[in-house]
């Protein structure tokens, strides 16, 4: 008996959807015949490597490629089951019951992943919800819809608090994501309204505190000699400092190219649209922090696109932990700390809240105002300007 061959196919119909994305399918080939099964995963053309048959340049590429591999494994397992039962292997079996191939319809996390991937949510939002599902599967990998009860939520909260050592606001974020999935499951009749687990559960939050670096701490990172085995940290260090001086998020930095760097009246500007909110932002690089961001760009002037092609956020954060140790800062910080540092120092130096709001691309000035409350030096600075 001949065996089925499997391969992933992207954009078979040569047509993009309204978002500019196309579907990834699994092609099954047997005896000169083919059938195609949907993976329910859509990506942009630049996020598909046709040679390697895998997703690239996607925030969740590791998780999505794992899902694709698992789907092919399940198809192969179905084929093996037919062989064991002495049944003829035919493509019609797979074509008639594709839902049986990836049957996780009774699993809460499986439903959540499919819903998120096929939703119209922003990529950054999808990434955050998928992270919640990763944590959920660590706690209860086979949780069904019936398992999601009030007690389940309490135990999940305890798991995140004790096993994952998450703070109260991080736990609240994951619980809000979980609540949105539960609401969608109820809308689709996977769960009953009467069993709504969040009816009694209260999502707890605490006062948010942003980590930021002081000017002398930035100076120590700037002056850090990265030679020998530590030279590999240089790219992450320079990208982090660039974002300290510009306030960019990781997602915005990695979406930049040389085309975003322009000159207006001979002065260097950075112009881009934020990934998270789609806000147009213009940053005068020559003015901010004595042009330190422009100085970094000058060092990378012959390889700007490589400079913006940063490794995964989690990997950069590991590099930053090493940099903090070498600089003897005694402070844990992540790449996102750069954004907090930028906002906090700008307000401390006297920039108007509305100006900082524009530079950071915040839609609501209340978001920006939070940075003015976390540095006591800002109060001292303001009082020094007053004439009593």
Protein backbone atom coordinates (compact mmCIF):
# COMPACT_ATOMS: atom_id res chain seq x y z
CA UNK A 1 0.00 0.00 0.00
CA UNK A 2 1.20 3.48 -0.85
CA UNK A 3 1.74 6.04 1.88
CA UNK A 4 0.33 9.54 1.88
CA UNK A 5 2.81 12.39 1.55
CA UNK A 6 2.15 15.60 3.44
CA UNK A 7 3.34 19.15 2.85
CA UNK A 8 2.32 22.65 3.86
CA UNK A 9 0.99 24.96 1.14
CA UNK A 10 0.59 28.72 1.46
CA UNK A 11 -1.85 30.82 -0.56
CA UNK A 12 -2.81 27.99 -2.92
CA UNK A 13 -5.51 30.09 -4.55
CA UNK A 14 -3.15 33.08 -5.03
CA UNK A 15 -5.60 35.38 -3.30
CA UNK A 16 -5.23 37.49 -0.16
CA UNK A 17 -8.06 38.30 2.24
CA UNK A 18 -9.10 41.80 3.34
CA UNK A 19 -6.23 41.91 5.83
CA UNK A 20 -3.68 41.04 3.16
CA UNK A 21 -3.20 37.54 4.57
CA UNK A 22 -3.56 34.08 3.05
CA UNK A 23 -4.35 30.62 4.39
CA UNK A 24 -1.87 27.84 5.16
CA UNK A 25 -3.15 24.38 4.18
CA UNK A 26 -1.90 20.83 4.48
CA UNK A 27 -1.66 19.08 1.12
CA UNK A 28 -2.21 15.30 1.15
CA UNK A 29 -0.92 13.47 -1.92
CA UNK A 30 -1.66 9.83 -2.80
CA UNK A 31 -1.72 8.03 -6.16
CA UNK A 32 -1.63 11.25 -8.19
CA UNK A 33 -4.55 12.70 -6.21
CA UNK A 34 -4.57 15.55 -3.71
CA UNK A 35 -6.79 16.97 -0.99
CA UNK A 36 -6.25 20.08 1.06
CA UNK A 37 -7.08 20.58 4.72
CA UNK A 38 -7.22 24.01 6.31
CA UNK A 39 -4.97 24.79 9.27
CA UNK A 40 -7.11 27.87 10.03
CA UNK A 41 -3.88 29.88 10.22
CA UNK A 42 -3.56 33.02 8.08
CA UNK A 43 -0.31 35.01 7.70
CA UNK A 44 1.07 37.78 5.51
CA UNK A 45 3.11 36.70 2.45
CA UNK A 46 6.35 38.01 4.00
CA UNK A 47 5.70 35.79 7.04
CA UNK A 48 5.94 32.56 5.03
CA UNK A 49 9.21 30.90 3.99
CA UNK A 50 8.22 28.74 1.04
CA UNK A 51 11.58 26.99 0.92
CA UNK A 52 11.55 25.91 4.56
CA UNK A 53 7.74 25.56 4.64
CA UNK A 54 7.46 27.49 7.90
CA UNK A 55 6.24 30.77 9.36
CA UNK A 56 8.86 33.50 9.85
CA UNK A 57 8.89 37.12 11.07
CA UNK A 58 5.76 36.54 13.14
CA UNK A 59 5.45 37.34 16.88
CA UNK A 60 4.06 33.82 17.51
CA UNK A 61 6.03 31.97 14.85
CA UNK A 62 7.34 29.35 17.30
CA UNK A 63 3.87 28.52 18.60
CA UNK A 64 2.28 28.56 15.14
CA UNK A 65 4.97 26.36 13.58
CA UNK A 66 4.50 23.95 16.45
CA UNK A 67 0.76 23.87 15.74
CA UNK A 68 1.45 23.13 12.06
CA UNK A 69 3.81 20.30 12.97
CA UNK A 70 1.28 18.87 15.40
CA UNK A 71 -1.46 18.94 12.79
CA UNK A 72 0.65 16.95 10.33
CA UNK A 73 1.51 14.49 13.10
CA UNK A 74 -2.19 14.01 13.82
CA UNK A 75 -2.85 13.38 10.13
CA UNK A 76 -0.08 10.80 10.03
CA UNK A 77 -1.45 9.20 13.19
CA UNK A 78 -4.88 8.87 11.57
CA UNK A 79 -3.27 7.22 8.58
CA UNK A 80 -1.40 4.82 10.88
CA UNK A 81 -4.64 3.93 12.67
CA UNK A 82 -6.22 2.98 9.34
CA UNK A 83 -3.24 0.74 8.56
CA UNK A 84 -3.48 -0.96 11.97
CA UNK A 85 -7.18 -1.67 11.44
CA UNK A 86 -6.50 -3.10 7.99
CA UNK A 87 -8.64 -0.41 6.40
CA UNK A 88 -7.82 1.03 2.97
CA UNK A 89 -6.02 4.36 3.16
CA UNK A 90 -7.75 6.87 0.94
CA UNK A 91 -7.80 10.63 0.68
CA UNK A 92 -11.57 10.60 0.78
CA UNK A 93 -11.42 9.61 4.46
CA UNK A 94 -9.55 12.79 5.31
CA UNK A 95 -11.66 14.95 3.01
CA UNK A 96 -14.92 13.75 4.53
CA UNK A 97 -13.91 14.24 8.15
CA UNK A 98 -11.25 16.94 8.42
CA UNK A 99 -12.62 17.99 11.80
CA UNK A 100 -11.66 14.60 13.21
CA UNK A 101 -8.02 15.22 12.31
CA UNK A 102 -7.47 18.06 14.71
CA UNK A 103 -10.22 17.25 17.15
CA UNK A 104 -9.63 19.41 20.20
CA UNK A 105 -13.13 20.87 20.12
CA UNK A 106 -13.73 19.79 23.70
CA UNK A 107 -10.53 21.47 24.93
CA UNK A 108 -10.83 25.03 26.15
CA UNK A 109 -7.30 26.12 25.16
CA UNK A 110 -7.63 24.62 21.68
CA UNK A 111 -10.83 26.56 21.11
CA UNK A 112 -9.17 29.72 22.42
CA UNK A 113 -6.21 29.44 20.05
CA UNK A 114 -8.40 28.93 16.99
CA UNK A 115 -10.64 31.84 17.96
CA UNK A 116 -7.71 34.20 18.55
CA UNK A 117 -5.85 33.28 15.37
CA UNK A 118 -8.93 33.79 13.21
CA UNK A 119 -10.08 36.96 14.95
CA UNK A 120 -9.65 40.53 13.71
CA UNK A 121 -7.66 41.49 16.80
CA UNK A 122 -4.33 43.31 16.50
CA UNK A 123 -1.26 41.08 16.36
CA UNK A 124 -0.03 42.43 19.69
CA UNK A 125 -3.36 41.53 21.33
CA UNK A 126 -3.27 38.06 19.78
CA UNK A 127 0.23 37.54 21.14
CA UNK A 128 -0.85 38.51 24.66
CA UNK A 129 -3.88 36.19 24.66
CA UNK A 130 -1.83 33.31 23.26
CA UNK A 131 0.66 33.84 26.09
CA UNK A 132 -2.22 33.46 28.55
CA UNK A 133 -3.20 30.20 26.86
CA UNK A 134 0.40 28.98 27.16
CA UNK A 135 0.27 29.60 30.91
CA UNK A 136 -3.17 27.96 31.14
CA UNK A 137 -1.90 24.82 29.39
CA UNK A 138 1.01 24.65 31.83
CA UNK A 139 -1.54 24.60 34.64
CA UNK A 140 -4.14 22.32 33.01
CA UNK A 141 -3.13 21.05 29.55
CA UNK A 142 -6.35 19.08 29.00
CA UNK A 143 -8.91 21.44 30.52
CA UNK A 144 -12.34 21.09 28.91
CA UNK A 145 -15.10 23.69 28.84
CA UNK A 146 -16.77 22.00 31.80
CA UNK A 147 -13.55 22.34 33.81
CA UNK A 148 -13.64 26.14 33.71
CA UNK A 149 -15.42 26.81 37.00
CA UNK A 150 -15.06 29.31 39.84
CA UNK A 151 -12.81 26.85 41.71
CA UNK A 152 -10.72 26.39 38.56
CA UNK A 153 -10.16 30.16 38.37
CA UNK A 154 -9.14 30.29 42.02
CA UNK A 155 -6.68 27.42 41.55
CA UNK A 156 -5.30 28.97 38.36
CA UNK A 157 -4.74 32.23 40.21
CA UNK A 158 -2.93 30.37 42.98
CA UNK A 159 -0.76 28.59 40.38
CA UNK A 160 0.29 31.89 38.79
CA UNK A 161 0.98 33.43 42.17
CA UNK A 162 2.97 30.58 43.75
CA UNK A 163 4.41 28.57 40.85
CA UNK A 164 4.98 31.37 38.34
CA UNK A 165 5.64 34.14 40.92
CA UNK A 166 3.50 36.59 38.93
CA UNK A 167 2.49 39.93 40.40
CA UNK A 168 -1.12 40.87 41.02
CA UNK A 169 -1.44 42.95 37.84
CA UNK A 170 0.11 40.25 35.64
CA UNK A 171 -2.38 37.74 37.05
CA UNK A 172 -5.20 40.23 36.40
CA UNK A 173 -4.08 40.60 32.77
CA UNK A 174 -4.20 36.83 32.23
CA UNK A 175 -7.58 36.59 33.93
CA UNK A 176 -9.02 39.30 31.68
CA UNK A 177 -7.80 37.37 28.63
CA UNK A 178 -9.33 34.19 30.03
CA UNK A 179 -12.62 36.02 30.63
CA UNK A 180 -12.74 37.18 26.99
CA UNK A 181 -12.30 33.57 25.79
CA UNK A 182 -15.04 32.36 28.16
CA UNK A 183 -17.39 35.06 26.84
CA UNK A 184 -16.72 33.95 23.26
CA UNK A 185 -17.29 30.30 24.21
CA UNK A 186 -20.67 31.24 25.70
CA UNK A 187 -21.63 33.16 22.55
CA UNK A 188 -20.88 30.04 20.50
CA UNK A 189 -22.79 27.75 22.90
CA UNK A 190 -19.71 25.81 24.00
CA UNK A 191 -20.50 26.92 27.54
CA UNK A 192 -23.82 27.82 29.15
CA UNK A 193 -24.53 31.28 30.52
CA UNK A 194 -25.62 29.68 33.79
CA UNK A 195 -22.16 28.21 34.37
CA UNK A 196 -20.39 31.54 33.86
CA UNK A 197 -17.31 31.20 36.15
CA UNK A 198 -16.57 34.93 36.37
CA UNK A 199 -19.95 35.67 37.95
CA UNK A 200 -18.47 35.41 41.44
CA UNK A 201 -14.77 35.66 40.67
CA UNK A 202 -13.27 39.13 41.16
CA UNK A 203 -10.21 40.12 39.12
CA UNK A 204 -7.89 41.85 41.59
CA UNK A 205 -5.54 44.66 40.61
CA UNK A 206 -2.96 46.77 42.42
CA UNK A 207 -1.24 50.08 41.84
CA UNK A 208 1.00 49.77 38.79
CA UNK A 209 4.68 50.63 39.18
CA UNK A 210 6.90 51.11 36.15
CA UNK A 211 10.58 50.21 36.21
CA UNK A 212 12.82 52.88 34.71
CA UNK A 213 16.51 53.76 34.63
CA UNK A 214 18.07 56.91 36.01
CA UNK A 215 20.49 59.03 33.93
CA UNK A 216 23.57 57.69 35.73
CA UNK A 217 22.38 54.11 35.16
CA UNK A 218 21.96 54.81 31.45
CA UNK A 219 25.46 56.28 31.41
CA UNK A 220 26.91 53.09 32.88
CA UNK A 221 25.23 51.03 30.17
CA UNK A 222 26.44 53.45 27.48
CA UNK A 223 30.04 53.27 28.69
CA UNK A 224 30.05 49.49 29.13
CA UNK A 225 32.90 47.84 27.24
CA UNK A 226 31.52 44.76 25.49
CA UNK A 227 34.51 42.83 24.20
CA UNK A 228 35.32 39.17 23.71
CA UNK A 229 32.46 36.85 24.63
CA UNK A 230 30.35 39.85 25.68
CA UNK A 231 30.48 41.48 22.26
CA UNK A 232 27.40 39.50 21.25
CA UNK A 233 25.43 41.70 23.69
CA UNK A 234 26.24 44.88 21.79
CA UNK A 235 23.30 44.77 19.37
CA UNK A 236 20.75 44.27 22.17
CA UNK A 237 22.43 47.01 24.25
CA UNK A 238 22.37 49.54 21.41
CA UNK A 239 18.76 48.73 20.46
CA UNK A 240 17.72 49.13 24.10
CA UNK A 241 19.49 52.49 24.41
CA UNK A 242 17.97 53.67 21.12
CA UNK A 243 14.51 52.96 22.55
CA UNK A 244 15.42 54.70 25.83
CA UNK A 245 16.08 57.84 23.77
CA UNK A 246 13.03 57.46 21.48
CA UNK A 247 10.41 55.67 23.64
CA UNK A 248 9.74 52.93 21.08
CA UNK A 249 8.17 49.61 21.96
CA UNK A 250 9.90 46.39 20.92
CA UNK A 251 7.21 45.79 18.26
CA UNK A 252 7.68 49.27 16.78
CA UNK A 253 11.48 49.00 16.76
CA UNK A 254 11.47 45.66 14.94
CA UNK A 255 9.06 47.00 12.31
CA UNK A 256 11.33 49.91 11.39
CA UNK A 257 13.46 50.10 8.26
CA UNK A 258 15.86 52.60 6.76
CA UNK A 259 12.82 54.23 5.08
CA UNK A 260 11.57 55.42 8.48
CA UNK A 261 14.64 57.61 8.94
CA UNK A 262 14.17 60.89 7.08
CA UNK A 263 15.67 64.38 6.95
CA UNK A 264 13.58 67.53 7.25
CA UNK A 265 15.47 70.76 6.64
CA UNK A 266 18.67 68.84 7.11
CA UNK A 267 17.58 67.48 10.52
CA UNK A 268 17.16 63.78 11.33
CA UNK A 269 13.64 62.56 12.13
CA UNK A 270 12.06 59.18 12.79
CA UNK A 271 8.58 58.69 11.30
CA UNK A 272 6.51 55.54 11.76
CA UNK A 273 3.06 54.15 12.61
CA UNK A 274 2.78 52.28 15.92
CA UNK A 275 1.94 48.59 15.70
CA UNK A 276 -0.27 48.60 18.79
CA UNK A 277 -2.52 51.59 18.06
CA UNK A 278 -1.76 52.53 14.45
CA UNK A 279 -0.87 56.07 15.57
CA UNK A 280 1.41 58.18 13.36
CA UNK A 281 4.47 59.28 15.33
CA UNK A 282 7.21 61.76 14.37
CA UNK A 283 10.32 61.98 16.57
CA UNK A 284 13.03 64.65 16.13
CA UNK A 285 16.09 62.49 16.77
CA UNK A 286 18.42 65.48 16.68
CA UNK A 287 16.65 67.09 19.66
CA UNK A 288 15.93 64.24 22.07
CA UNK A 289 18.63 63.57 24.68
CA UNK A 290 21.26 65.57 22.78
CA UNK A 291 20.81 63.43 19.68
CA UNK A 292 22.03 60.19 21.29
CA UNK A 293 19.60 58.09 19.23
CA UNK A 294 20.95 59.72 16.05
CA UNK A 295 24.50 58.87 17.17
CA UNK A 296 23.57 55.20 17.48
CA UNK A 297 22.02 55.23 14.00
CA UNK A 298 25.19 56.78 12.61
CA UNK A 299 27.24 53.85 13.93
CA UNK A 300 24.87 51.47 12.11
CA UNK A 301 24.43 53.69 9.04
CA UNK A 302 25.65 51.00 6.62
CA UNK A 303 23.45 48.26 8.12
CA UNK A 304 20.30 49.98 9.38
CA UNK A 305 17.90 47.20 8.40
CA UNK A 306 20.10 44.69 10.26
CA UNK A 307 20.04 46.97 13.30
CA UNK A 308 16.23 46.91 13.35
CA UNK A 309 16.16 43.13 12.80
CA UNK A 310 16.38 42.26 16.48
CA UNK A 311 16.21 38.77 18.00
CA UNK A 312 13.13 37.62 19.95
CA UNK A 313 12.05 39.84 22.82
CA UNK A 314 12.65 37.08 25.38
CA UNK A 315 16.20 36.58 24.07
CA UNK A 316 16.91 40.32 24.20
CA UNK A 317 15.67 40.40 27.80
CA UNK A 318 18.18 37.69 28.68
CA UNK A 319 20.91 39.82 27.10
CA UNK A 320 19.76 42.81 29.15
CA UNK A 321 19.97 40.75 32.34
CA UNK A 322 23.61 40.04 31.45
CA UNK A 323 24.22 43.73 30.68
CA UNK A 324 22.70 44.76 34.03
CA UNK A 325 25.11 42.40 35.77
CA UNK A 326 28.15 43.67 33.87
CA UNK A 327 27.16 47.28 34.61
CA UNK A 328 26.58 46.34 38.28
CA UNK A 329 23.20 48.05 38.31
CA UNK A 330 21.53 45.73 40.82
CA UNK A 331 18.23 46.28 39.03
CA UNK A 332 16.16 43.90 36.89
CA UNK A 333 14.76 45.45 33.72
CA UNK A 334 13.38 44.38 30.37
CA UNK A 335 13.32 45.89 26.89
CA UNK A 336 10.04 47.62 27.69
CA UNK A 337 11.85 49.47 30.48
CA UNK A 338 13.31 51.64 27.72
CA UNK A 339 9.86 53.09 27.01
CA UNK A 340 9.23 53.80 30.70
CA UNK A 341 12.68 55.37 31.02
CA UNK A 342 12.08 57.66 28.04
CA UNK A 343 8.73 58.94 29.34
CA UNK A 344 9.86 59.35 32.93
CA UNK A 345 13.02 61.28 32.05
CA UNK A 346 11.27 63.52 29.53
CA UNK A 347 8.71 64.56 32.14
CA UNK A 348 11.48 65.02 34.73
CA UNK A 349 13.40 67.25 32.32
CA UNK A 350 10.35 69.46 31.91
CA UNK A 351 8.62 68.22 28.74
CA UNK A 352 4.87 68.88 28.65
CA UNK A 353 2.63 65.86 29.19
CA UNK A 354 0.93 66.42 25.83
CA UNK A 355 4.31 66.49 24.07
CA UNK A 356 5.33 63.21 25.71
CA UNK A 357 1.92 61.80 24.75
CA UNK A 358 2.57 62.61 21.08
CA UNK A 359 6.10 61.16 21.17
CA UNK A 360 4.91 57.91 22.76
CA UNK A 361 1.85 57.60 20.51
CA UNK A 362 -0.57 57.40 23.45
CA UNK A 363 -4.20 57.95 22.47
CA UNK A 364 -5.19 59.01 25.97
CA UNK A 365 -3.16 61.55 27.95
CA UNK A 366 -4.10 59.72 31.18
CA UNK A 367 -1.80 56.90 30.12
CA UNK A 368 1.07 59.37 29.85
CA UNK A 369 0.26 61.08 33.15
CA UNK A 370 1.11 57.88 35.01
CA UNK A 371 4.78 58.43 34.27
CA UNK A 372 4.80 61.77 36.04
CA UNK A 373 3.80 60.12 39.31
CA UNK A 374 6.55 57.55 39.64
CA UNK A 375 9.67 59.67 39.98
CA UNK A 376 9.88 61.85 43.09
CA UNK A 377 12.58 63.88 41.34
CA UNK A 378 9.89 65.26 39.04
CA UNK A 379 8.19 66.87 42.03
CA UNK A 380 11.45 68.41 43.20
CA UNK A 381 12.18 69.69 39.71
CA UNK A 382 8.76 71.33 39.42
CA UNK A 383 9.02 72.96 42.84
CA UNK A 384 12.43 74.42 41.99
CA UNK A 385 10.80 76.28 39.10
CA UNK A 386 8.25 77.91 41.39
CA UNK A 387 8.78 81.34 42.88
CA UNK A 388 7.50 81.31 46.44
